[in-house]
N, C-alpha and C. Protein backbone atom coordinates (compact mmCIF):
# COMPACT_ATOMS: atom_id res chain seq x y z
N MET A 1 0.84 -1.18 0.00
CA MET A 1 0.00 0.00 0.00
C MET A 1 0.88 1.25 0.00
N LEU A 2 0.48 2.23 -0.77
CA LEU A 2 1.27 3.44 -0.90
C LEU A 2 0.96 4.42 0.23
N SER A 3 1.99 5.08 0.73
CA SER A 3 1.79 6.05 1.80
C SER A 3 1.30 7.37 1.23
N ASN A 4 0.74 8.18 2.09
CA ASN A 4 0.28 9.52 1.68
C ASN A 4 1.44 10.35 1.18
N ARG A 5 2.61 10.22 1.78
CA ARG A 5 3.80 10.97 1.37
C ARG A 5 4.19 10.62 -0.05
N PHE A 6 4.16 9.33 -0.38
CA PHE A 6 4.51 8.89 -1.73
C PHE A 6 3.51 9.43 -2.75
N VAL A 7 2.23 9.33 -2.44
CA VAL A 7 1.20 9.83 -3.36
C VAL A 7 1.34 11.34 -3.54
N MET A 8 1.63 12.08 -2.46
CA MET A 8 1.82 13.52 -2.57
C MET A 8 3.03 13.85 -3.44
N LEU A 9 4.12 13.13 -3.28
CA LEU A 9 5.32 13.34 -4.07
C LEU A 9 5.03 13.07 -5.55
N LEU A 10 4.37 11.97 -5.83
CA LEU A 10 4.03 11.62 -7.21
C LEU A 10 3.10 12.65 -7.82
N THR A 11 2.10 13.08 -7.07
CA THR A 11 1.16 14.09 -7.55
C THR A 11 1.89 15.39 -7.87
N THR A 12 2.82 15.78 -7.02
CA THR A 12 3.60 17.00 -7.24
C THR A 12 4.39 16.90 -8.54
N ALA A 13 5.03 15.76 -8.78
CA ALA A 13 5.82 15.57 -10.00
C ALA A 13 4.93 15.63 -11.23
N VAL A 14 3.76 15.01 -11.17
CA VAL A 14 2.83 15.02 -12.31
C VAL A 14 2.32 16.42 -12.58
N VAL A 15 1.91 17.13 -11.52
CA VAL A 15 1.41 18.49 -11.70
C VAL A 15 2.50 19.39 -12.27
N LEU A 16 3.72 19.27 -11.80
CA LEU A 16 4.82 20.08 -12.31
C LEU A 16 5.03 19.82 -13.79
N LEU A 17 5.06 18.55 -14.18
CA LEU A 17 5.29 18.25 -15.60
C LEU A 17 4.14 18.74 -16.46
N PHE A 18 2.89 18.59 -15.99
CA PHE A 18 1.76 19.10 -16.77
C PHE A 18 1.82 20.61 -16.89
N SER A 19 2.19 21.30 -15.82
CA SER A 19 2.27 22.76 -15.90
C SER A 19 3.38 23.20 -16.83
N LEU A 20 4.49 22.46 -16.83
CA LEU A 20 5.57 22.77 -17.76
C LEU A 20 5.11 22.59 -19.19
N ALA A 21 4.44 21.47 -19.46
CA ALA A 21 4.00 21.19 -20.83
C ALA A 21 2.91 22.16 -21.27
N ALA A 22 2.00 22.50 -20.37
CA ALA A 22 0.91 23.40 -20.73
C ALA A 22 1.41 24.80 -21.03
N CYS A 23 2.46 25.21 -20.36
CA CYS A 23 3.00 26.55 -20.55
C CYS A 23 4.06 26.60 -21.63
N ALA A 24 4.40 25.46 -22.16
CA ALA A 24 5.50 25.42 -23.14
C ALA A 24 5.13 26.24 -24.36
N GLN A 25 6.03 27.11 -24.74
CA GLN A 25 5.87 27.94 -25.92
C GLN A 25 7.18 27.89 -26.67
N PRO A 26 7.10 28.06 -27.99
CA PRO A 26 8.37 28.13 -28.70
C PRO A 26 9.18 29.30 -28.16
N VAL A 27 10.41 29.04 -27.85
CA VAL A 27 11.28 30.08 -27.33
C VAL A 27 11.82 30.88 -28.51
N PRO A 28 11.65 32.21 -28.48
CA PRO A 28 12.04 33.03 -29.63
C PRO A 28 13.53 33.18 -29.82
N ASP A 29 14.21 32.07 -30.02
CA ASP A 29 15.62 32.04 -30.39
C ASP A 29 16.56 32.79 -29.47
N PRO A 30 16.37 32.76 -28.11
CA PRO A 30 17.32 33.44 -27.25
C PRO A 30 18.64 32.70 -27.15
N THR A 31 18.60 31.41 -27.38
CA THR A 31 19.79 30.59 -27.25
C THR A 31 19.93 29.75 -28.52
N PRO A 32 21.06 29.74 -29.12
CA PRO A 32 21.21 28.89 -30.31
C PRO A 32 21.10 27.42 -29.91
N THR A 33 20.68 26.59 -30.83
CA THR A 33 20.62 25.16 -30.58
C THR A 33 22.03 24.66 -30.30
N LEU A 34 22.15 23.93 -29.21
CA LEU A 34 23.45 23.43 -28.80
C LEU A 34 23.67 22.06 -29.39
N GLU A 35 24.77 21.87 -30.04
CA GLU A 35 25.09 20.60 -30.66
C GLU A 35 26.24 19.94 -29.90
N PRO A 36 26.12 18.64 -29.63
CA PRO A 36 27.24 17.97 -28.97
C PRO A 36 28.44 17.89 -29.90
N THR A 37 29.59 17.97 -29.32
CA THR A 37 30.81 17.82 -30.12
C THR A 37 31.28 16.38 -29.97
N PRO A 38 31.99 15.88 -30.96
CA PRO A 38 32.44 14.50 -30.85
C PRO A 38 33.43 14.27 -29.71
N THR A 39 34.13 15.32 -29.26
CA THR A 39 35.15 15.13 -28.24
C THR A 39 34.59 15.14 -26.83
N ALA A 40 33.70 16.08 -26.52
CA ALA A 40 33.18 16.14 -25.16
C ALA A 40 31.91 16.97 -25.11
N VAL A 41 31.05 16.61 -24.20
CA VAL A 41 29.82 17.36 -23.95
C VAL A 41 29.97 17.92 -22.54
N VAL A 42 30.10 19.24 -22.44
CA VAL A 42 30.38 19.84 -21.14
C VAL A 42 29.39 20.97 -20.87
N MET A 43 28.86 20.98 -19.68
CA MET A 43 28.04 22.08 -19.19
C MET A 43 28.42 22.25 -17.73
N PRO A 44 28.70 23.45 -17.29
CA PRO A 44 29.05 23.64 -15.89
C PRO A 44 27.92 23.18 -14.98
N LEU A 45 28.25 22.31 -14.03
CA LEU A 45 27.27 21.78 -13.09
C LEU A 45 27.65 22.19 -11.68
N ARG A 46 26.65 22.25 -10.82
CA ARG A 46 26.90 22.59 -9.41
C ARG A 46 26.24 21.55 -8.52
N PRO A 47 26.86 21.26 -7.40
CA PRO A 47 26.23 20.32 -6.47
C PRO A 47 25.06 20.99 -5.73
N PHE A 48 24.11 20.18 -5.31
CA PHE A 48 23.00 20.70 -4.51
C PHE A 48 22.59 19.64 -3.49
N GLN A 49 21.90 20.09 -2.47
CA GLN A 49 21.22 19.22 -1.51
C GLN A 49 19.83 19.77 -1.32
N SER A 50 18.83 18.90 -1.35
CA SER A 50 17.43 19.30 -1.14
C SER A 50 16.75 18.24 -0.30
N GLN A 51 15.76 18.69 0.46
CA GLN A 51 14.99 17.75 1.25
C GLN A 51 13.60 17.65 0.65
N VAL A 52 13.20 16.41 0.31
CA VAL A 52 11.89 16.15 -0.26
C VAL A 52 11.22 15.08 0.58
N SER A 53 10.06 15.40 1.11
CA SER A 53 9.29 14.46 1.95
C SER A 53 10.14 13.87 3.06
N GLY A 54 10.97 14.69 3.65
CA GLY A 54 11.78 14.25 4.78
C GLY A 54 13.05 13.50 4.43
N ILE A 55 13.34 13.35 3.14
CA ILE A 55 14.55 12.65 2.72
C ILE A 55 15.52 13.66 2.11
N LEU A 56 16.72 13.72 2.65
CA LEU A 56 17.75 14.60 2.12
C LEU A 56 18.41 13.91 0.93
N MET A 57 18.44 14.59 -0.20
CA MET A 57 19.10 14.02 -1.38
C MET A 57 20.12 15.02 -1.88
N SER A 58 21.11 14.51 -2.60
CA SER A 58 22.11 15.39 -3.19
C SER A 58 22.34 14.96 -4.62
N GLY A 59 22.88 15.88 -5.40
CA GLY A 59 23.15 15.60 -6.80
C GLY A 59 23.79 16.81 -7.45
N VAL A 60 23.69 16.87 -8.78
CA VAL A 60 24.18 18.02 -9.52
C VAL A 60 23.10 18.52 -10.46
N ALA A 61 23.21 19.80 -10.78
CA ALA A 61 22.30 20.45 -11.72
C ALA A 61 23.10 21.53 -12.46
N PRO A 62 22.62 21.96 -13.61
CA PRO A 62 23.35 23.00 -14.33
C PRO A 62 23.53 24.26 -13.48
N GLU A 63 24.72 24.77 -13.52
CA GLU A 63 25.10 25.93 -12.72
C GLU A 63 24.19 27.13 -12.95
N ALA A 64 23.79 27.36 -14.19
CA ALA A 64 23.01 28.56 -14.52
C ALA A 64 21.50 28.37 -14.34
N TRP A 65 21.03 27.19 -14.00
CA TRP A 65 19.60 26.95 -13.84
C TRP A 65 19.18 27.26 -12.41
N ASP A 66 17.95 27.73 -12.25
CA ASP A 66 17.41 28.08 -10.94
C ASP A 66 16.68 26.91 -10.32
N GLU A 67 16.80 26.78 -8.99
CA GLU A 67 16.03 25.75 -8.29
C GLU A 67 14.62 26.29 -8.08
N PHE A 68 13.68 25.73 -8.81
CA PHE A 68 12.28 26.17 -8.82
C PHE A 68 11.55 25.70 -7.57
N THR A 69 11.70 24.42 -7.25
CA THR A 69 11.24 23.83 -6.00
C THR A 69 12.33 22.83 -5.59
N ALA A 70 12.20 22.22 -4.43
CA ALA A 70 13.23 21.30 -3.95
C ALA A 70 13.52 20.21 -4.98
N GLY A 71 14.75 20.20 -5.48
CA GLY A 71 15.19 19.19 -6.43
C GLY A 71 14.77 19.43 -7.87
N THR A 72 14.07 20.53 -8.14
CA THR A 72 13.60 20.84 -9.50
C THR A 72 14.30 22.09 -10.00
N PHE A 73 15.01 21.94 -11.10
CA PHE A 73 15.81 23.03 -11.66
C PHE A 73 15.28 23.39 -13.04
N MET A 74 15.17 24.70 -13.29
CA MET A 74 14.67 25.17 -14.58
C MET A 74 15.66 26.15 -15.18
N ARG A 75 15.78 26.10 -16.51
CA ARG A 75 16.78 26.92 -17.19
C ARG A 75 16.40 28.40 -17.19
N ASP A 76 15.21 28.76 -17.63
CA ASP A 76 14.82 30.17 -17.68
C ASP A 76 13.31 30.28 -17.61
N TYR A 77 12.76 29.90 -16.47
CA TYR A 77 11.31 29.87 -16.31
C TYR A 77 10.67 31.22 -16.60
N ASP A 78 11.24 32.30 -16.07
CA ASP A 78 10.66 33.64 -16.28
C ASP A 78 10.69 34.06 -17.74
N GLY A 79 11.62 33.54 -18.50
CA GLY A 79 11.72 33.87 -19.91
C GLY A 79 10.89 32.97 -20.81
N GLY A 80 10.11 32.07 -20.23
CA GLY A 80 9.25 31.20 -21.01
C GLY A 80 9.84 29.85 -21.38
N ASP A 81 11.08 29.59 -21.00
CA ASP A 81 11.74 28.32 -21.29
C ASP A 81 11.28 27.29 -20.26
N ARG A 82 10.80 26.16 -20.69
CA ARG A 82 10.31 25.13 -19.77
C ARG A 82 11.25 23.94 -19.66
N THR A 83 12.52 24.13 -20.04
CA THR A 83 13.51 23.08 -19.90
C THR A 83 13.76 22.86 -18.40
N ALA A 84 13.65 21.61 -17.95
CA ALA A 84 13.72 21.35 -16.51
C ALA A 84 14.39 20.02 -16.22
N LEU A 85 14.91 19.92 -15.01
CA LEU A 85 15.49 18.70 -14.47
C LEU A 85 14.90 18.50 -13.09
N VAL A 86 14.22 17.37 -12.89
CA VAL A 86 13.52 17.08 -11.63
C VAL A 86 14.18 15.87 -10.97
N HIS A 87 14.63 16.03 -9.73
CA HIS A 87 15.20 14.94 -8.94
C HIS A 87 14.21 14.61 -7.82
N GLN A 88 13.90 13.34 -7.63
CA GLN A 88 13.05 12.91 -6.52
C GLN A 88 13.61 11.62 -5.97
N VAL A 89 13.31 11.36 -4.71
CA VAL A 89 13.69 10.09 -4.10
C VAL A 89 12.60 9.72 -3.11
N VAL A 90 12.27 8.45 -3.07
CA VAL A 90 11.29 7.96 -2.10
C VAL A 90 11.90 6.78 -1.37
N GLY A 91 11.39 6.55 -0.18
CA GLY A 91 11.89 5.43 0.63
C GLY A 91 11.23 4.13 0.22
N GLN A 92 10.97 3.30 1.19
CA GLN A 92 10.46 1.96 0.93
C GLN A 92 8.99 1.95 0.54
N ASP A 93 8.41 3.11 0.30
CA ASP A 93 6.98 3.20 0.01
C ASP A 93 6.57 2.47 -1.26
N ALA A 94 7.43 2.47 -2.27
CA ALA A 94 7.03 1.88 -3.54
C ALA A 94 8.24 1.41 -4.32
N SER A 95 7.99 0.49 -5.22
CA SER A 95 9.05 0.03 -6.10
C SER A 95 9.18 1.00 -7.26
N ALA A 96 10.28 0.90 -7.99
CA ALA A 96 10.48 1.74 -9.17
C ALA A 96 9.38 1.47 -10.19
N GLU A 97 8.95 0.23 -10.31
CA GLU A 97 7.91 -0.12 -11.27
C GLU A 97 6.58 0.53 -10.91
N GLU A 98 6.23 0.52 -9.62
CA GLU A 98 4.99 1.18 -9.17
C GLU A 98 5.05 2.68 -9.45
N PHE A 99 6.19 3.26 -9.12
CA PHE A 99 6.37 4.70 -9.31
C PHE A 99 6.21 5.05 -10.79
N LEU A 100 6.85 4.28 -11.68
CA LEU A 100 6.76 4.52 -13.11
C LEU A 100 5.32 4.36 -13.60
N ARG A 101 4.65 3.32 -13.17
CA ARG A 101 3.28 3.08 -13.60
C ARG A 101 2.37 4.24 -13.21
N LEU A 102 2.47 4.68 -11.97
CA LEU A 102 1.62 5.79 -11.51
C LEU A 102 1.97 7.10 -12.20
N PHE A 103 3.26 7.37 -12.34
CA PHE A 103 3.69 8.60 -13.01
C PHE A 103 3.24 8.60 -14.46
N ALA A 104 3.47 7.49 -15.16
CA ALA A 104 3.12 7.39 -16.58
C ALA A 104 1.63 7.59 -16.79
N SER A 105 0.81 7.01 -15.94
CA SER A 105 -0.64 7.19 -16.10
C SER A 105 -1.04 8.63 -15.83
N GLY A 106 -0.32 9.31 -14.96
CA GLY A 106 -0.63 10.71 -14.65
C GLY A 106 -0.32 11.67 -15.77
N VAL A 107 0.69 11.37 -16.59
CA VAL A 107 1.07 12.27 -17.69
C VAL A 107 0.69 11.72 -19.06
N GLY A 108 0.02 10.56 -19.07
CA GLY A 108 -0.41 9.99 -20.34
C GLY A 108 0.71 9.35 -21.13
N LEU A 109 1.71 8.84 -20.45
CA LEU A 109 2.84 8.19 -21.10
C LEU A 109 2.57 6.70 -21.22
N ASP A 110 2.61 6.19 -22.45
CA ASP A 110 2.47 4.75 -22.67
C ASP A 110 3.86 4.15 -22.61
N VAL A 111 4.18 3.53 -21.48
CA VAL A 111 5.52 3.01 -21.24
C VAL A 111 5.89 1.96 -22.29
N SER A 112 4.91 1.20 -22.76
CA SER A 112 5.23 0.17 -23.75
C SER A 112 5.67 0.77 -25.08
N GLU A 113 5.28 2.03 -25.35
CA GLU A 113 5.67 2.70 -26.59
C GLU A 113 6.87 3.63 -26.42
N ALA A 114 7.24 3.91 -25.18
CA ALA A 114 8.38 4.81 -24.93
C ALA A 114 9.68 4.08 -25.25
N MET A 115 10.59 4.80 -25.88
CA MET A 115 11.91 4.23 -26.13
C MET A 115 12.60 4.08 -24.77
N SER A 116 13.20 2.93 -24.55
CA SER A 116 13.84 2.76 -23.25
C SER A 116 15.23 2.16 -23.41
N GLU A 117 16.02 2.41 -22.39
CA GLU A 117 17.36 1.84 -22.32
C GLU A 117 17.70 1.64 -20.85
N THR A 118 18.62 0.76 -20.61
CA THR A 118 19.12 0.53 -19.26
C THR A 118 20.59 0.88 -19.26
N VAL A 119 20.99 1.72 -18.30
CA VAL A 119 22.39 2.11 -18.20
C VAL A 119 22.87 1.86 -16.78
N SER A 120 24.11 1.45 -16.66
CA SER A 120 24.73 1.26 -15.36
C SER A 120 25.73 2.38 -15.15
N LEU A 121 25.49 3.17 -14.12
CA LEU A 121 26.35 4.32 -13.82
C LEU A 121 26.80 4.23 -12.37
N ASP A 122 28.08 4.09 -12.18
CA ASP A 122 28.67 4.05 -10.85
C ASP A 122 27.98 3.04 -9.94
N GLY A 123 27.70 1.86 -10.50
CA GLY A 123 27.14 0.78 -9.71
C GLY A 123 25.63 0.80 -9.54
N ARG A 124 24.95 1.78 -10.07
CA ARG A 124 23.50 1.85 -9.98
C ARG A 124 22.91 1.63 -11.37
N VAL A 125 21.89 0.80 -11.48
CA VAL A 125 21.26 0.52 -12.76
C VAL A 125 20.02 1.39 -12.92
N TRP A 126 20.01 2.17 -14.02
CA TRP A 126 18.92 3.09 -14.32
C TRP A 126 18.14 2.61 -15.54
N ASP A 127 16.82 2.61 -15.45
CA ASP A 127 15.95 2.41 -16.60
C ASP A 127 15.53 3.80 -17.05
N ILE A 128 15.79 4.12 -18.31
CA ILE A 128 15.47 5.45 -18.85
C ILE A 128 14.44 5.29 -19.96
N TYR A 129 13.33 5.98 -19.80
CA TYR A 129 12.25 5.98 -20.79
C TYR A 129 12.23 7.34 -21.46
N GLN A 130 12.17 7.34 -22.78
CA GLN A 130 12.17 8.59 -23.53
C GLN A 130 10.91 8.66 -24.38
N ALA A 131 10.23 9.80 -24.31
CA ALA A 131 9.02 10.01 -25.10
C ALA A 131 8.84 11.49 -25.34
N GLU A 132 7.94 11.81 -26.24
CA GLU A 132 7.57 13.21 -26.45
C GLU A 132 6.21 13.40 -25.82
N ILE A 133 6.13 14.34 -24.89
CA ILE A 133 4.88 14.64 -24.20
C ILE A 133 4.56 16.11 -24.46
N ASN A 134 3.46 16.36 -25.12
CA ASN A 134 3.04 17.73 -25.47
C ASN A 134 4.14 18.51 -26.17
N GLY A 135 4.82 17.86 -27.09
CA GLY A 135 5.85 18.54 -27.88
C GLY A 135 7.19 18.69 -27.20
N GLN A 136 7.32 18.20 -25.99
CA GLN A 136 8.58 18.30 -25.24
C GLN A 136 9.24 16.93 -25.16
N ALA A 137 10.53 16.86 -25.42
CA ALA A 137 11.28 15.62 -25.21
C ALA A 137 11.33 15.38 -23.71
N THR A 138 10.95 14.19 -23.29
CA THR A 138 10.88 13.88 -21.87
C THR A 138 11.60 12.57 -21.59
N ASP A 139 12.54 12.61 -20.67
CA ASP A 139 13.24 11.42 -20.21
C ASP A 139 12.82 11.16 -18.77
N VAL A 140 12.45 9.92 -18.49
CA VAL A 140 12.09 9.50 -17.14
C VAL A 140 13.07 8.40 -16.76
N ALA A 141 13.86 8.64 -15.73
CA ALA A 141 14.87 7.66 -15.30
C ALA A 141 14.55 7.18 -13.88
N LEU A 142 14.63 5.87 -13.69
CA LEU A 142 14.33 5.28 -12.39
C LEU A 142 15.41 4.29 -12.00
N ALA A 143 15.72 4.26 -10.72
CA ALA A 143 16.67 3.27 -10.20
C ALA A 143 16.29 2.93 -8.77
N ARG A 144 16.50 1.71 -8.40
CA ARG A 144 16.29 1.27 -7.02
C ARG A 144 17.66 0.98 -6.44
N ASP A 145 17.93 1.52 -5.25
CA ASP A 145 19.22 1.32 -4.61
C ASP A 145 18.98 1.19 -3.11
N GLY A 146 19.09 -0.03 -2.61
CA GLY A 146 18.84 -0.24 -1.19
C GLY A 146 17.41 0.10 -0.84
N ALA A 147 17.22 0.98 0.13
CA ALA A 147 15.90 1.34 0.60
C ALA A 147 15.27 2.49 -0.18
N PHE A 148 15.92 2.96 -1.24
CA PHE A 148 15.44 4.15 -1.95
C PHE A 148 15.16 3.89 -3.42
N THR A 149 14.14 4.56 -3.93
CA THR A 149 13.87 4.61 -5.36
C THR A 149 14.19 6.02 -5.82
N PHE A 150 15.08 6.13 -6.79
CA PHE A 150 15.49 7.41 -7.35
C PHE A 150 14.74 7.65 -8.65
N PHE A 151 14.34 8.89 -8.85
CA PHE A 151 13.49 9.25 -9.97
C PHE A 151 13.99 10.58 -10.51
N VAL A 152 14.38 10.63 -11.78
CA VAL A 152 14.87 11.87 -12.39
C VAL A 152 14.13 12.05 -13.71
N VAL A 153 13.60 13.25 -13.92
CA VAL A 153 12.90 13.59 -15.16
C VAL A 153 13.60 14.79 -15.78
N MET A 154 13.84 14.72 -17.08
CA MET A 154 14.36 15.87 -17.82
C MET A 154 13.38 16.19 -18.94
N VAL A 155 12.98 17.45 -19.01
CA VAL A 155 12.08 17.94 -20.05
C VAL A 155 12.86 18.96 -20.86
N SER A 156 12.84 18.82 -22.20
CA SER A 156 13.61 19.74 -23.04
C SER A 156 12.95 19.88 -24.40
N GLN A 157 13.45 20.84 -25.15
CA GLN A 157 13.04 20.96 -26.55
C GLN A 157 13.65 19.78 -27.31
N PRO A 158 12.91 19.21 -28.26
CA PRO A 158 13.44 18.04 -28.98
C PRO A 158 14.80 18.28 -29.65
N ASP A 159 15.04 19.48 -30.17
CA ASP A 159 16.31 19.73 -30.86
C ASP A 159 17.50 19.83 -29.91
N GLU A 160 17.26 19.94 -28.62
CA GLU A 160 18.35 19.99 -27.63
C GLU A 160 18.51 18.69 -26.85
N HIS A 161 17.62 17.75 -27.09
CA HIS A 161 17.57 16.55 -26.26
C HIS A 161 18.89 15.81 -26.16
N ASP A 162 19.50 15.50 -27.29
CA ASP A 162 20.72 14.69 -27.26
C ASP A 162 21.83 15.38 -26.48
N PHE A 163 22.01 16.68 -26.72
CA PHE A 163 23.03 17.42 -25.98
C PHE A 163 22.74 17.41 -24.48
N LEU A 164 21.50 17.75 -24.10
CA LEU A 164 21.17 17.84 -22.67
C LEU A 164 21.19 16.47 -21.99
N LYS A 165 20.89 15.41 -22.72
CA LYS A 165 20.97 14.08 -22.11
C LYS A 165 22.41 13.78 -21.69
N GLU A 166 23.35 14.07 -22.57
CA GLU A 166 24.76 13.82 -22.26
C GLU A 166 25.32 14.79 -21.23
N ALA A 167 24.96 16.07 -21.36
CA ALA A 167 25.58 17.11 -20.53
C ALA A 167 24.89 17.30 -19.18
N VAL A 168 23.61 16.94 -19.08
CA VAL A 168 22.85 17.21 -17.85
C VAL A 168 22.29 15.93 -17.23
N LEU A 169 21.51 15.17 -18.00
CA LEU A 169 20.81 14.02 -17.42
C LEU A 169 21.78 12.95 -16.90
N LEU A 170 22.71 12.51 -17.72
CA LEU A 170 23.61 11.43 -17.28
C LEU A 170 24.46 11.83 -16.08
N PRO A 171 25.03 13.06 -16.04
CA PRO A 171 25.74 13.46 -14.81
C PRO A 171 24.81 13.51 -13.60
N ALA A 172 23.54 13.93 -13.82
CA ALA A 172 22.58 13.96 -12.69
C ALA A 172 22.35 12.55 -12.15
N LEU A 173 22.23 11.58 -13.04
CA LEU A 173 22.03 10.21 -12.61
C LEU A 173 23.24 9.68 -11.86
N ARG A 174 24.43 9.99 -12.35
CA ARG A 174 25.66 9.53 -11.70
C ARG A 174 25.80 10.08 -10.27
N SER A 175 25.36 11.31 -10.08
CA SER A 175 25.64 11.98 -8.81
C SER A 175 24.52 11.87 -7.78
N MET A 176 23.35 11.44 -8.16
CA MET A 176 22.22 11.45 -7.23
C MET A 176 22.46 10.47 -6.09
N SER A 177 22.24 10.95 -4.87
CA SER A 177 22.47 10.08 -3.71
C SER A 177 21.66 10.58 -2.51
N VAL A 178 21.59 9.73 -1.52
CA VAL A 178 21.03 10.07 -0.22
C VAL A 178 22.19 10.00 0.76
N PRO A 179 22.68 11.18 1.18
CA PRO A 179 23.89 11.18 2.04
C PRO A 179 23.65 10.51 3.39
């Protein structure tokens, strides 16, 4: 049975993603499309610590992005950009599969149709689901590690997805922890 804390956390993540997608507008070319280079994909990142539902988590996020809510970073919310990185962690309340099922049904994501991959980063195995939701490239990454389920969502413009996956999402997955 799911706890009230878990349901509240999941509801918050779903509402945030829906609000991001609903407000998404084409950005009037303030930033050129970033292309990955064959040698390296680099974006300055900064460490953070946030407490969500009583659990202290740490990780990294882009240095220039603002923390919108605990564990949620946005590139330029005030300027209309809805590019975001959401970090969440829950305790023993639910499995990664339960969390994905509930989250996917909340945002209308058909997990069976989402492109998925499994990556092992620093000893933790992540399942990453990629789909387009309301015109936004969306990656949903889940991992179970001991007593915790880690959940990271990245929302971006489709033309920036590949760059941001390498420069932002994968480093976020590598660094996410419960100290």
